Amino acid sequence: MRNCFEIGLACGLLVASVGAQAFSGQQLAKNAKVGIAEARSIALKAHPGKIVDEELEKEVGGSGLRYSFDIRAGQATQEVGVDAQDGAVLENKLEGPNPD
């Protein structure tokens, strides 16, 4: 009986921790026409790699609401901005110092 309780507790903690790993700016999502999954897809088409950071933020340009993704490919990290209203790529630039 105790093992069942421990397993249930572990599963509950796992579910709680997965929900806590939401993207930054999630409170703005109600104002977005493009969802996070679609924005991720658009960003990865613009610059293939692995998303290492993501946020939804108010920023000048486009509709004023954009998803910002840091995408790592090799040693370089690219910042890709996707408009949260129409899915347009607003930014696609190297983050930080140039590795060359």
PDB file of N, CA and C in Angstrom:
ATOM      1  N   MET A   1       0.825  -1.197   0.000  1.00  0.00           N
ATOM      2  CA  MET A   1       0.000   0.000   0.000  1.00  0.00           C
ATOM      3  C   MET A   1       0.863   1.252   0.000  1.00  0.00           C
ATOM      4  N   ARG A   2       1.934   1.210   0.785  1.00  0.00           N
ATOM      5  CA  ARG A   2       2.812   2.367   0.854  1.00  0.00           C
ATOM      6  C   ARG A   2       3.465   2.639  -0.507  1.00  0.00           C
ATOM      7  N   ASN A   3       3.847   1.565  -1.230  1.00  0.00           N
ATOM      8  CA  ASN A   3       4.459   1.739  -2.549  1.00  0.00           C
ATOM      9  C   ASN A   3       3.499   2.429  -3.506  1.00  0.00           C
ATOM     10  N   CYS A   4       2.217   2.103  -3.457  1.00  0.00           N
ATOM     11  CA  CYS A   4       1.232   2.750  -4.323  1.00  0.00           C
ATOM     12  C   CYS A   4       1.149   4.245  -4.017  1.00  0.00           C
ATOM     13  N   PHE A   5       1.179   4.577  -2.732  1.00  0.00           N
ATOM     14  CA  PHE A   5       1.140   5.974  -2.331  1.00  0.00           C
ATOM     15  C   PHE A   5       2.367   6.717  -2.844  1.00  0.00           C
ATOM     16  N   GLU A   6       3.542   6.112  -2.697  1.00  0.00           N
ATOM     17  CA  GLU A   6       4.785   6.747  -3.139  1.00  0.00           C
ATOM     18  C   GLU A   6       4.794   6.942  -4.659  1.00  0.00           C
ATOM     19  N   ILE A   7       4.304   5.952  -5.382  1.00  0.00           N
ATOM     20  CA  ILE A   7       4.234   6.068  -6.844  1.00  0.00           C
ATOM     21  C   ILE A   7       3.265   7.175  -7.234  1.00  0.00           C
ATOM     22  N   GLY A   8       2.114   7.229  -6.588  1.00  0.00           N
ATOM     23  CA  GLY A   8       1.132   8.279  -6.864  1.00  0.00           C
ATOM     24  C   GLY A   8       1.690   9.663  -6.569  1.00  0.00           C
ATOM     25  N   LEU A   9       2.396   9.788  -5.475  1.00  0.00           N
ATOM     26  CA  LEU A   9       3.008  11.066  -5.101  1.00  0.00           C
ATOM     27  C   LEU A   9       4.055  11.470  -6.129  1.00  0.00           C
ATOM     28  N   ALA A  10       4.882  10.533  -6.551  1.00  0.00           N
ATOM     29  CA  ALA A  10       5.914  10.821  -7.559  1.00  0.00           C
ATOM     30  C   ALA A  10       5.285  11.258  -8.874  1.00  0.00           C
ATOM     31  N   CYS A  11       4.217  10.592  -9.290  1.00  0.00           N
ATOM     32  CA  CYS A  11       3.529  10.981 -10.537  1.00  0.00           C
ATOM     33  C   CYS A  11       2.931  12.377 -10.412  1.00  0.00           C
ATOM     34  N   GLY A  12       2.349  12.673  -9.269  1.00  0.00           N
ATOM     35  CA  GLY A  12       1.772  13.999  -9.052  1.00  0.00           C
ATOM     36  C   GLY A  12       2.821  15.097  -9.107  1.00  0.00           C
ATOM     37  N   LEU A  13       3.973  14.849  -8.521  1.00  0.00           N
ATOM     38  CA  LEU A  13       5.052  15.828  -8.565  1.00  0.00           C
ATOM     39  C   LEU A  13       5.585  16.006  -9.980  1.00  0.00           C
ATOM     40  N   LEU A  14       5.647  14.928 -10.743  1.00  0.00           N
ATOM     41  CA  LEU A  14       6.099  15.014 -12.131  1.00  0.00           C
ATOM     42  C   LEU A  14       5.155  15.866 -12.962  1.00  0.00           C
ATOM     43  N   VAL A  15       3.864  15.641 -12.817  1.00  0.00           N
ATOM     44  CA  VAL A  15       2.867  16.419 -13.554  1.00  0.00           C
ATOM     45  C   VAL A  15       2.952  17.890 -13.155  1.00  0.00           C
ATOM     46  N   ALA A  16       3.101  18.173 -11.883  1.00  0.00           N
ATOM     47  CA  ALA A  16       3.191  19.546 -11.404  1.00  0.00           C
ATOM     48  C   ALA A  16       4.437  20.238 -11.952  1.00  0.00           C
ATOM     49  N   SER A  17       5.556  19.522 -12.029  1.00  0.00           N
ATOM     50  CA  SER A  17       6.783  20.140 -12.519  1.00  0.00           C
ATOM     51  C   SER A  17       6.716  20.400 -14.018  1.00  0.00           C
ATOM     52  N   VAL A  18       6.039  19.562 -14.780  1.00  0.00           N
ATOM     53  CA  VAL A  18       5.895  19.783 -16.217  1.00  0.00           C
ATOM     54  C   VAL A  18       5.069  21.039 -16.456  1.00  0.00           C
ATOM     55  N   GLY A  19       4.001  21.243 -15.722  1.00  0.00           N
ATOM     56  CA  GLY A  19       3.172  22.428 -15.872  1.00  0.00           C
ATOM     57  C   GLY A  19       3.903  23.702 -15.480  1.00  0.00           C
ATOM     58  N   ALA A  20       4.862  23.602 -14.592  1.00  0.00           N
ATOM     59  CA  ALA A  20       5.592  24.775 -14.121  1.00  0.00           C
ATOM     60  C   ALA A  20       6.627  25.252 -15.132  1.00  0.00           C
ATOM     61  N   GLN A  21       6.913  24.475 -16.165  1.00  0.00           N
ATOM     62  CA  GLN A  21       7.936  24.839 -17.132  1.00  0.00           C
ATOM     63  C   GLN A  21       7.335  25.541 -18.345  1.00  0.00           C
ATOM     64  N   ALA A  22       6.368  26.382 -18.132  1.00  0.00           N
ATOM     65  CA  ALA A  22       5.724  27.121 -19.219  1.00  0.00           C
ATOM     66  C   ALA A  22       6.668  28.199 -19.730  1.00  0.00           C
ATOM     67  N   PHE A  23       6.402  28.659 -20.940  1.00  0.00           N
ATOM     68  CA  PHE A  23       7.248  29.705 -21.517  1.00  0.00           C
ATOM     69  C   PHE A  23       7.020  31.030 -20.797  1.00  0.00           C
ATOM     70  N   SER A  24       8.034  31.861 -20.819  1.00  0.00           N
ATOM     71  CA  SER A  24       7.963  33.172 -20.190  1.00  0.00           C
ATOM     72  C   SER A  24       6.970  34.058 -20.946  1.00  0.00           C
ATOM     73  N   GLY A  25       6.141  34.788 -20.229  1.00  0.00           N
ATOM     74  CA  GLY A  25       5.156  35.663 -20.851  1.00  0.00           C
ATOM     75  C   GLY A  25       3.840  34.974 -21.159  1.00  0.00           C
ATOM     76  N   GLN A  26       3.621  33.821 -20.584  1.00  0.00           N
ATOM     77  CA  GLN A  26       2.419  33.034 -20.877  1.00  0.00           C
ATOM     78  C   GLN A  26       1.132  33.809 -20.581  1.00  0.00           C
ATOM     79  N   GLN A  27       1.175  34.760 -19.662  1.00  0.00           N
ATOM     80  CA  GLN A  27      -0.019  35.543 -19.332  1.00  0.00           C
ATOM     81  C   GLN A  27      -0.479  36.388 -20.520  1.00  0.00           C
ATOM     82  N   LEU A  28       0.394  36.629 -21.501  1.00  0.00           N
ATOM     83  CA  LEU A  28       0.030  37.398 -22.699  1.00  0.00           C
ATOM     84  C   LEU A  28      -0.606  36.521 -23.785  1.00  0.00           C
ATOM     85  N   ALA A  29      -0.578  35.215 -23.612  1.00  0.00           N
ATOM     86  CA  ALA A  29      -1.029  34.279 -24.650  1.00  0.00           C
ATOM     87  C   ALA A  29      -2.486  34.484 -25.040  1.00  0.00           C
ATOM     88  N   LYS A  30      -3.296  34.975 -24.138  1.00  0.00           N
ATOM     89  CA  LYS A  30      -4.715  35.193 -24.457  1.00  0.00           C
ATOM     90  C   LYS A  30      -4.887  36.249 -25.551  1.00  0.00           C
ATOM     91  N   ASN A  31      -3.866  37.095 -25.753  1.00  0.00           N
ATOM     92  CA  ASN A  31      -3.916  38.147 -26.767  1.00  0.00           C
ATOM     93  C   ASN A  31      -3.318  37.716 -28.104  1.00  0.00           C
ATOM     94  N   ALA A  32      -2.775  36.511 -28.174  1.00  0.00           N
ATOM     95  CA  ALA A  32      -2.098  36.033 -29.379  1.00  0.00           C
ATOM     96  C   ALA A  32      -3.050  35.228 -30.255  1.00  0.00           C
ATOM     97  N   LYS A  33      -2.979  35.450 -31.561  1.00  0.00           N
ATOM     98  CA  LYS A  33      -3.741  34.639 -32.516  1.00  0.00           C
ATOM     99  C   LYS A  33      -2.962  33.399 -32.924  1.00  0.00           C
ATOM    100  N   VAL A  34      -1.633  33.473 -32.861  1.00  0.00           N
ATOM    101  CA  VAL A  34      -0.752  32.350 -33.178  1.00  0.00           C
ATOM    102  C   VAL A  34      -0.357  31.692 -31.860  1.00  0.00           C
ATOM    103  N   GLY A  35      -0.566  30.386 -31.757  1.00  0.00           N
ATOM    104  CA  GLY A  35      -0.213  29.666 -30.539  1.00  0.00           C
ATOM    105  C   GLY A  35       1.277  29.370 -30.471  1.00  0.00           C
ATOM    106  N   ILE A  36       1.735  28.986 -29.290  1.00  0.00           N
ATOM    107  CA  ILE A  36       3.153  28.724 -29.075  1.00  0.00           C
ATOM    108  C   ILE A  36       3.657  27.592 -29.962  1.00  0.00           C
ATOM    109  N   ALA A  37       2.881  26.533 -30.161  1.00  0.00           N
ATOM    110  CA  ALA A  37       3.324  25.406 -30.984  1.00  0.00           C
ATOM    111  C   ALA A  37       3.533  25.837 -32.433  1.00  0.00           C
ATOM    112  N   GLU A  38       2.608  26.618 -32.970  1.00  0.00           N
ATOM    113  CA  GLU A  38       2.739  27.105 -34.337  1.00  0.00           C
ATOM    114  C   GLU A  38       3.929  28.067 -34.450  1.00  0.00           C
ATOM    115  N   ALA A  39       4.111  28.925 -33.459  1.00  0.00           N
ATOM    116  CA  ALA A  39       5.233  29.865 -33.468  1.00  0.00           C
ATOM    117  C   ALA A  39       6.566  29.119 -33.416  1.00  0.00           C
ATOM    118  N   ARG A  40       6.648  28.043 -32.630  1.00  0.00           N
ATOM    119  CA  ARG A  40       7.872  27.232 -32.582  1.00  0.00           C
ATOM    120  C   ARG A  40       8.191  26.669 -33.966  1.00  0.00           C
ATOM    121  N   SER A  41       7.174  26.147 -34.623  1.00  0.00           N
ATOM    122  CA  SER A  41       7.341  25.569 -35.957  1.00  0.00           C
ATOM    123  C   SER A  41       7.850  26.614 -36.952  1.00  0.00           C
ATOM    124  N   ILE A  42       7.266  27.802 -36.916  1.00  0.00           N
ATOM    125  CA  ILE A  42       7.688  28.895 -37.804  1.00  0.00           C
ATOM    126  C   ILE A  42       9.144  29.265 -37.522  1.00  0.00           C
ATOM    127  N   ALA A  43       9.500  29.374 -36.250  1.00  0.00           N
ATOM    128  CA  ALA A  43      10.864  29.758 -35.875  1.00  0.00           C
ATOM    129  C   ALA A  43      11.873  28.706 -36.325  1.00  0.00           C
ATOM    130  N   LEU A  44      11.533  27.434 -36.175  1.00  0.00           N
ATOM    131  CA  LEU A  44      12.461  26.373 -36.563  1.00  0.00           C
ATOM    132  C   LEU A  44      12.595  26.247 -38.072  1.00  0.00           C
ATOM    133  N   LYS A  45      11.574  26.653 -38.810  1.00  0.00           N
ATOM    134  CA  LYS A  45      11.698  26.699 -40.274  1.00  0.00           C
ATOM    135  C   LYS A  45      12.632  27.839 -40.676  1.00  0.00           C
ATOM    136  N   ALA A  46      12.575  28.945 -39.950  1.00  0.00           N
ATOM    137  CA  ALA A  46      13.435  30.094 -40.237  1.00  0.00           C
ATOM    138  C   ALA A  46      14.887  29.804 -39.873  1.00  0.00           C
ATOM    139  N   HIS A  47      15.098  29.037 -38.807  1.00  0.00           N
ATOM    140  CA  HIS A  47      16.452  28.690 -38.372  1.00  0.00           C
ATOM    141  C   HIS A  47      16.408  27.337 -37.649  1.00  0.00           C
ATOM    142  N   PRO A  48      16.715  26.248 -38.348  1.00  0.00           N
ATOM    143  CA  PRO A  48      16.700  24.923 -37.719  1.00  0.00           C
ATOM    144  C   PRO A  48      17.715  24.812 -36.582  1.00  0.00           C
ATOM    145  N   GLY A  49      17.370  24.052 -35.566  1.00  0.00           N
ATOM    146  CA  GLY A  49      18.236  23.819 -34.417  1.00  0.00           C
ATOM    147  C   GLY A  49      17.397  23.386 -33.238  1.00  0.00           C
ATOM    148  N   LYS A  50      17.881  23.680 -32.040  1.00  0.00           N
ATOM    149  CA  LYS A  50      17.179  23.314 -30.811  1.00  0.00           C
ATOM    150  C   LYS A  50      16.809  24.590 -30.063  1.00  0.00           C
ATOM    151  N   ILE A  51      15.521  24.719 -29.752  1.00  0.00           N
ATOM    152  CA  ILE A  51      15.068  25.878 -28.973  1.00  0.00           C
ATOM    153  C   ILE A  51      15.561  25.720 -27.534  1.00  0.00           C
ATOM    154  N   VAL A  52      16.312  26.716 -27.065  1.00  0.00           N
ATOM    155  CA  VAL A  52      16.854  26.669 -25.709  1.00  0.00           C
ATOM    156  C   VAL A  52      16.184  27.673 -24.783  1.00  0.00           C
ATOM    157  N   ASP A  53      15.453  28.629 -25.362  1.00  0.00           N
ATOM    158  CA  ASP A  53      14.713  29.599 -24.550  1.00  0.00           C
ATOM    159  C   ASP A  53      13.594  30.168 -25.405  1.00  0.00           C
ATOM    160  N   GLU A  54      12.472  30.476 -24.767  1.00  0.00           N
ATOM    161  CA  GLU A  54      11.339  31.040 -25.491  1.00  0.00           C
ATOM    162  C   GLU A  54      10.538  31.936 -24.573  1.00  0.00           C
ATOM    163  N   GLU A  55       9.984  33.002 -25.176  1.00  0.00           N
ATOM    164  CA  GLU A  55       9.136  33.896 -24.398  1.00  0.00           C
ATOM    165  C   GLU A  55       8.165  34.607 -25.325  1.00  0.00           C
ATOM    166  N   LEU A  56       7.084  35.064 -24.743  1.00  0.00           N
ATOM    167  CA  LEU A  56       6.107  35.903 -25.419  1.00  0.00           C
ATOM    168  C   LEU A  56       6.210  37.261 -24.767  1.00  0.00           C
ATOM    169  N   GLU A  57       6.418  38.291 -25.599  1.00  0.00           N
ATOM    170  CA  GLU A  57       6.686  39.607 -25.027  1.00  0.00           C
ATOM    171  C   GLU A  57       6.079  40.712 -25.873  1.00  0.00           C
ATOM    172  N   LYS A  58       5.861  41.854 -25.232  1.00  0.00           N
ATOM    173  CA  LYS A  58       5.466  43.061 -25.953  1.00  0.00           C
ATOM    174  C   LYS A  58       6.753  43.724 -26.408  1.00  0.00           C
ATOM    175  N   GLU A  59       6.839  43.970 -27.713  1.00  0.00           N
ATOM    176  CA  GLU A  59       8.046  44.586 -28.258  1.00  0.00           C
ATOM    177  C   GLU A  59       7.680  45.367 -29.513  1.00  0.00           C
ATOM    178  N   VAL A  60       8.376  46.459 -29.738  1.00  0.00           N
ATOM    179  CA  VAL A  60       8.131  47.309 -30.900  1.00  0.00           C
ATOM    180  C   VAL A  60       8.379  46.513 -32.180  1.00  0.00           C
ATOM    181  N   GLY A  61       7.521  46.740 -33.166  1.00  0.00           N
ATOM    182  CA  GLY A  61       7.640  46.055 -34.457  1.00  0.00           C
ATOM    183  C   GLY A  61       6.515  45.055 -34.637  1.00  0.00           C
ATOM    184  N   GLY A  62       6.065  44.905 -35.870  1.00  0.00           N
ATOM    185  CA  GLY A  62       4.960  43.989 -36.129  1.00  0.00           C
ATOM    186  C   GLY A  62       3.726  44.443 -35.374  1.00  0.00           C
ATOM    187  N   SER A  63       3.019  43.506 -34.793  1.00  0.00           N
ATOM    188  CA  SER A  63       1.804  43.823 -34.039  1.00  0.00           C
ATOM    189  C   SER A  63       2.101  44.335 -32.636  1.00  0.00           C
ATOM    190  N   GLY A  64       3.358  44.232 -32.216  1.00  0.00           N
ATOM    191  CA  GLY A  64       3.728  44.641 -30.861  1.00  0.00           C
ATOM    192  C   GLY A  64       3.743  43.496 -29.869  1.00  0.00           C
ATOM    193  N   LEU A  65       3.317  42.307 -30.310  1.00  0.00           N
ATOM    194  CA  LEU A  65       3.331  41.111 -29.465  1.00  0.00           C
ATOM    195  C   LEU A  65       4.069  40.033 -30.239  1.00  0.00           C
ATOM    196  N   ARG A  66       5.172  39.554 -29.680  1.00  0.00           N
ATOM    197  CA  ARG A  66       5.963  38.572 -30.417  1.00  0.00           C
ATOM    198  C   ARG A  66       6.493  37.465 -29.518  1.00  0.00           C
ATOM    199  N   TYR A  67       6.650  36.306 -30.142  1.00  0.00           N
ATOM    200  CA  TYR A  67       7.369  35.201 -29.525  1.00  0.00           C
ATOM    201  C   TYR A  67       8.837  35.404 -29.866  1.00  0.00           C
ATOM    202  N   SER A  68       9.703  35.201 -28.906  1.00  0.00           N
ATOM    203  CA  SER A  68      11.131  35.294 -29.121  1.00  0.00           C
ATOM    204  C   SER A  68      11.750  33.948 -28.755  1.00  0.00           C
ATOM    205  N   PHE A  69      12.488  33.372 -29.689  1.00  0.00           N
ATOM    206  CA  PHE A  69      13.103  32.056 -29.486  1.00  0.00           C
ATOM    207  C   PHE A  69      14.607  32.173 -29.628  1.00  0.00           C
ATOM    208  N   ASP A  70      15.331  31.546 -28.711  1.00  0.00           N
ATOM    209  CA  ASP A  70      16.766  31.363 -28.853  1.00  0.00           C
ATOM    210  C   ASP A  70      16.951  29.942 -29.357  1.00  0.00           C
ATOM    211  N   ILE A  71      17.554  29.819 -30.550  1.00  0.00           N
ATOM    212  CA  ILE A  71      17.714  28.515 -31.186  1.00  0.00           C
ATOM    213  C   ILE A  71      19.200  28.234 -31.342  1.00  0.00           C
ATOM    214  N   ARG A  72      19.636  27.124 -30.772  1.00  0.00           N
ATOM    215  CA  ARG A  72      21.047  26.751 -30.834  1.00  0.00           C
ATOM    216  C   ARG A  72      21.262  25.748 -31.955  1.00  0.00           C
ATOM    217  N   ALA A  73      22.263  26.048 -32.770  1.00  0.00           N
ATOM    218  CA  ALA A  73      22.709  25.137 -33.819  1.00  0.00           C
ATOM    219  C   ALA A  73      24.229  25.126 -33.740  1.00  0.00           C
ATOM    220  N   GLY A  74      24.812  24.032 -33.307  1.00  0.00           N
ATOM    221  CA  GLY A  74      26.257  23.981 -33.066  1.00  0.00           C
ATOM    222  C   GLY A  74      26.596  24.868 -31.886  1.00  0.00           C
ATOM    223  N   GLN A  75      27.573  25.748 -32.048  1.00  0.00           N
ATOM    224  CA  GLN A  75      27.987  26.652 -30.970  1.00  0.00           C
ATOM    225  C   GLN A  75      27.242  27.980 -31.005  1.00  0.00           C
ATOM    226  N   ALA A  76      26.572  28.273 -32.116  1.00  0.00           N
ATOM    227  CA  ALA A  76      25.904  29.562 -32.287  1.00  0.00           C
ATOM    228  C   ALA A  76      24.464  29.517 -31.796  1.00  0.00           C
ATOM    229  N   THR A  77      24.001  30.647 -31.282  1.00  0.00           N
ATOM    230  CA  THR A  77      22.608  30.794 -30.872  1.00  0.00           C
ATOM    231  C   THR A  77      21.994  31.924 -31.678  1.00  0.00           C
ATOM    232  N   GLN A  78      20.878  31.617 -32.306  1.00  0.00           N
ATOM    233  CA  GLN A  78      20.159  32.563 -33.156  1.00  0.00           C
ATOM    234  C   GLN A  78      18.898  33.006 -32.423  1.00  0.00           C
ATOM    235  N   GLU A  79      18.587  34.299 -32.480  1.00  0.00           N
ATOM    236  CA  GLU A  79      17.328  34.788 -31.928  1.00  0.00           C
ATOM    237  C   GLU A  79      16.347  34.961 -33.085  1.00  0.00           C
ATOM    238  N   VAL A  80      15.199  34.304 -32.959  1.00  0.00           N
ATOM    239  CA  VAL A  80      14.160  34.388 -33.985  1.00  0.00           C
ATOM    240  C   VAL A  80      12.900  34.928 -33.327  1.00  0.00           C
ATOM    241  N   GLY A  81      12.368  36.023 -33.877  1.00  0.00           N
ATOM    242  CA  GLY A  81      11.138  36.634 -33.378  1.00  0.00           C
ATOM    243  C   GLY A  81       9.994  36.349 -34.334  1.00  0.00           C
ATOM    244  N   VAL A  82       8.866  35.889 -33.792  1.00  0.00           N
ATOM    245  CA  VAL A  82       7.686  35.554 -34.584  1.00  0.00           C
ATOM    246  C   VAL A  82       6.513  36.384 -34.077  1.00  0.00           C
ATOM    247  N   ASP A  83       5.862  37.116 -34.987  1.00  0.00           N
ATOM    248  CA  ASP A  83       4.706  37.930 -34.613  1.00  0.00           C
ATOM    249  C   ASP A  83       3.594  37.031 -34.098  1.00  0.00           C
ATOM    250  N   ALA A  84       3.050  37.360 -32.937  1.00  0.00           N
ATOM    251  CA  ALA A  84       2.022  36.538 -32.299  1.00  0.00           C
ATOM    252  C   ALA A  84       0.641  36.726 -32.912  1.00  0.00           C
ATOM    253  N   GLN A  85       0.488  37.682 -33.833  1.00  0.00           N
ATOM    254  CA  GLN A  85      -0.811  37.906 -34.471  1.00  0.00           C
ATOM    255  C   GLN A  85      -0.900  37.264 -35.851  1.00  0.00           C
ATOM    256  N   ASP A  86       0.190  37.352 -36.640  1.00  0.00           N
ATOM    257  CA  ASP A  86       0.106  36.828 -38.007  1.00  0.00           C
ATOM    258  C   ASP A  86       1.189  35.804 -38.352  1.00  0.00           C
ATOM    259  N   GLY A  87       2.090  35.491 -37.435  1.00  0.00           N
ATOM    260  CA  GLY A  87       3.106  34.469 -37.667  1.00  0.00           C
ATOM    261  C   GLY A  87       4.284  34.915 -38.515  1.00  0.00           C
ATOM    262  N   ALA A  88       4.385  36.199 -38.817  1.00  0.00           N
ATOM    263  CA  ALA A  88       5.508  36.699 -39.615  1.00  0.00           C
ATOM    264  C   ALA A  88       6.806  36.635 -38.810  1.00  0.00           C
ATOM    265  N   VAL A  89       7.898  36.282 -39.491  1.00  0.00           N
ATOM    266  CA  VAL A  89       9.215  36.298 -38.848  1.00  0.00           C
ATOM    267  C   VAL A  89       9.683  37.750 -38.823  1.00  0.00           C
ATOM    268  N   LEU A  90       9.845  38.295 -37.627  1.00  0.00           N
ATOM    269  CA  LEU A  90      10.220  39.700 -37.453  1.00  0.00           C
ATOM    270  C   LEU A  90      11.708  39.881 -37.210  1.00  0.00           C
ATOM    271  N   GLU A  91      12.364  38.814 -36.771  1.00  0.00           N
ATOM    272  CA  GLU A  91      13.776  38.908 -36.419  1.00  0.00           C
ATOM    273  C   GLU A  91      14.408  37.532 -36.615  1.00  0.00           C
ATOM    274  N   ASN A  92      15.629  37.527 -37.117  1.00  0.00           N
ATOM    275  CA  ASN A  92      16.372  36.284 -37.291  1.00  0.00           C
ATOM    276  C   ASN A  92      17.848  36.668 -37.315  1.00  0.00           C
ATOM    277  N   LYS A  93      18.440  36.761 -36.114  1.00  0.00           N
ATOM    278  CA  LYS A  93      19.814  37.260 -36.026  1.00  0.00           C
ATOM    279  C   LYS A  93      20.625  36.459 -35.020  1.00  0.00           C
ATOM    280  N   LEU A  94      21.930  36.505 -35.211  1.00  0.00           N
ATOM    281  CA  LEU A  94      22.862  35.833 -34.320  1.00  0.00           C
ATOM    282  C   LEU A  94      22.839  36.517 -32.967  1.00  0.00           C
ATOM    283  N   GLU A  95      22.771  35.730 -31.914  1.00  0.00           N
ATOM    284  CA  GLU A  95      22.799  36.231 -30.542  1.00  0.00           C
ATOM    285  C   GLU A  95      24.232  36.313 -30.068  1.00  0.00           C
ATOM    286  N   GLY A  96      24.585  37.386 -29.397  1.00  0.00           N
ATOM    287  CA  GLY A  96      25.913  37.506 -28.785  1.00  0.00           C
ATOM    288  C   GLY A  96      27.015  37.728 -29.798  1.00  0.00           C
ATOM    289  N   PRO A  97      28.278  37.536 -29.347  1.00  0.00           N
ATOM    290  CA  PRO A  97      29.415  37.788 -30.230  1.00  0.00           C
ATOM    291  C   PRO A  97      29.471  36.758 -31.360  1.00  0.00           C
ATOM    292  N   ASN A  98      29.965  37.197 -32.506  1.00  0.00           N
ATOM    293  CA  ASN A  98      30.095  36.323 -33.667  1.00  0.00           C
ATOM    294  C   ASN A  98      31.160  35.264 -33.397  1.00  0.00           C
ATOM    295  N   PRO A  99      30.832  33.960 -33.562  1.00  0.00           N
ATOM    296  CA  PRO A  99      31.784  32.893 -33.225  1.00  0.00           C
ATOM    297  C   PRO A  99      32.918  32.752 -34.235  1.00  0.00           C
ATOM    298  N   ASP A 100      32.932  33.516 -35.337  1.00  0.00           N
ATOM    299  CA  ASP A 100      33.990  33.389 -36.359  1.00  0.00           C
ATOM    300  C   ASP A 100      35.304  33.917 -35.879  1.00  0.00           C
TER     301      ASP A 100
END
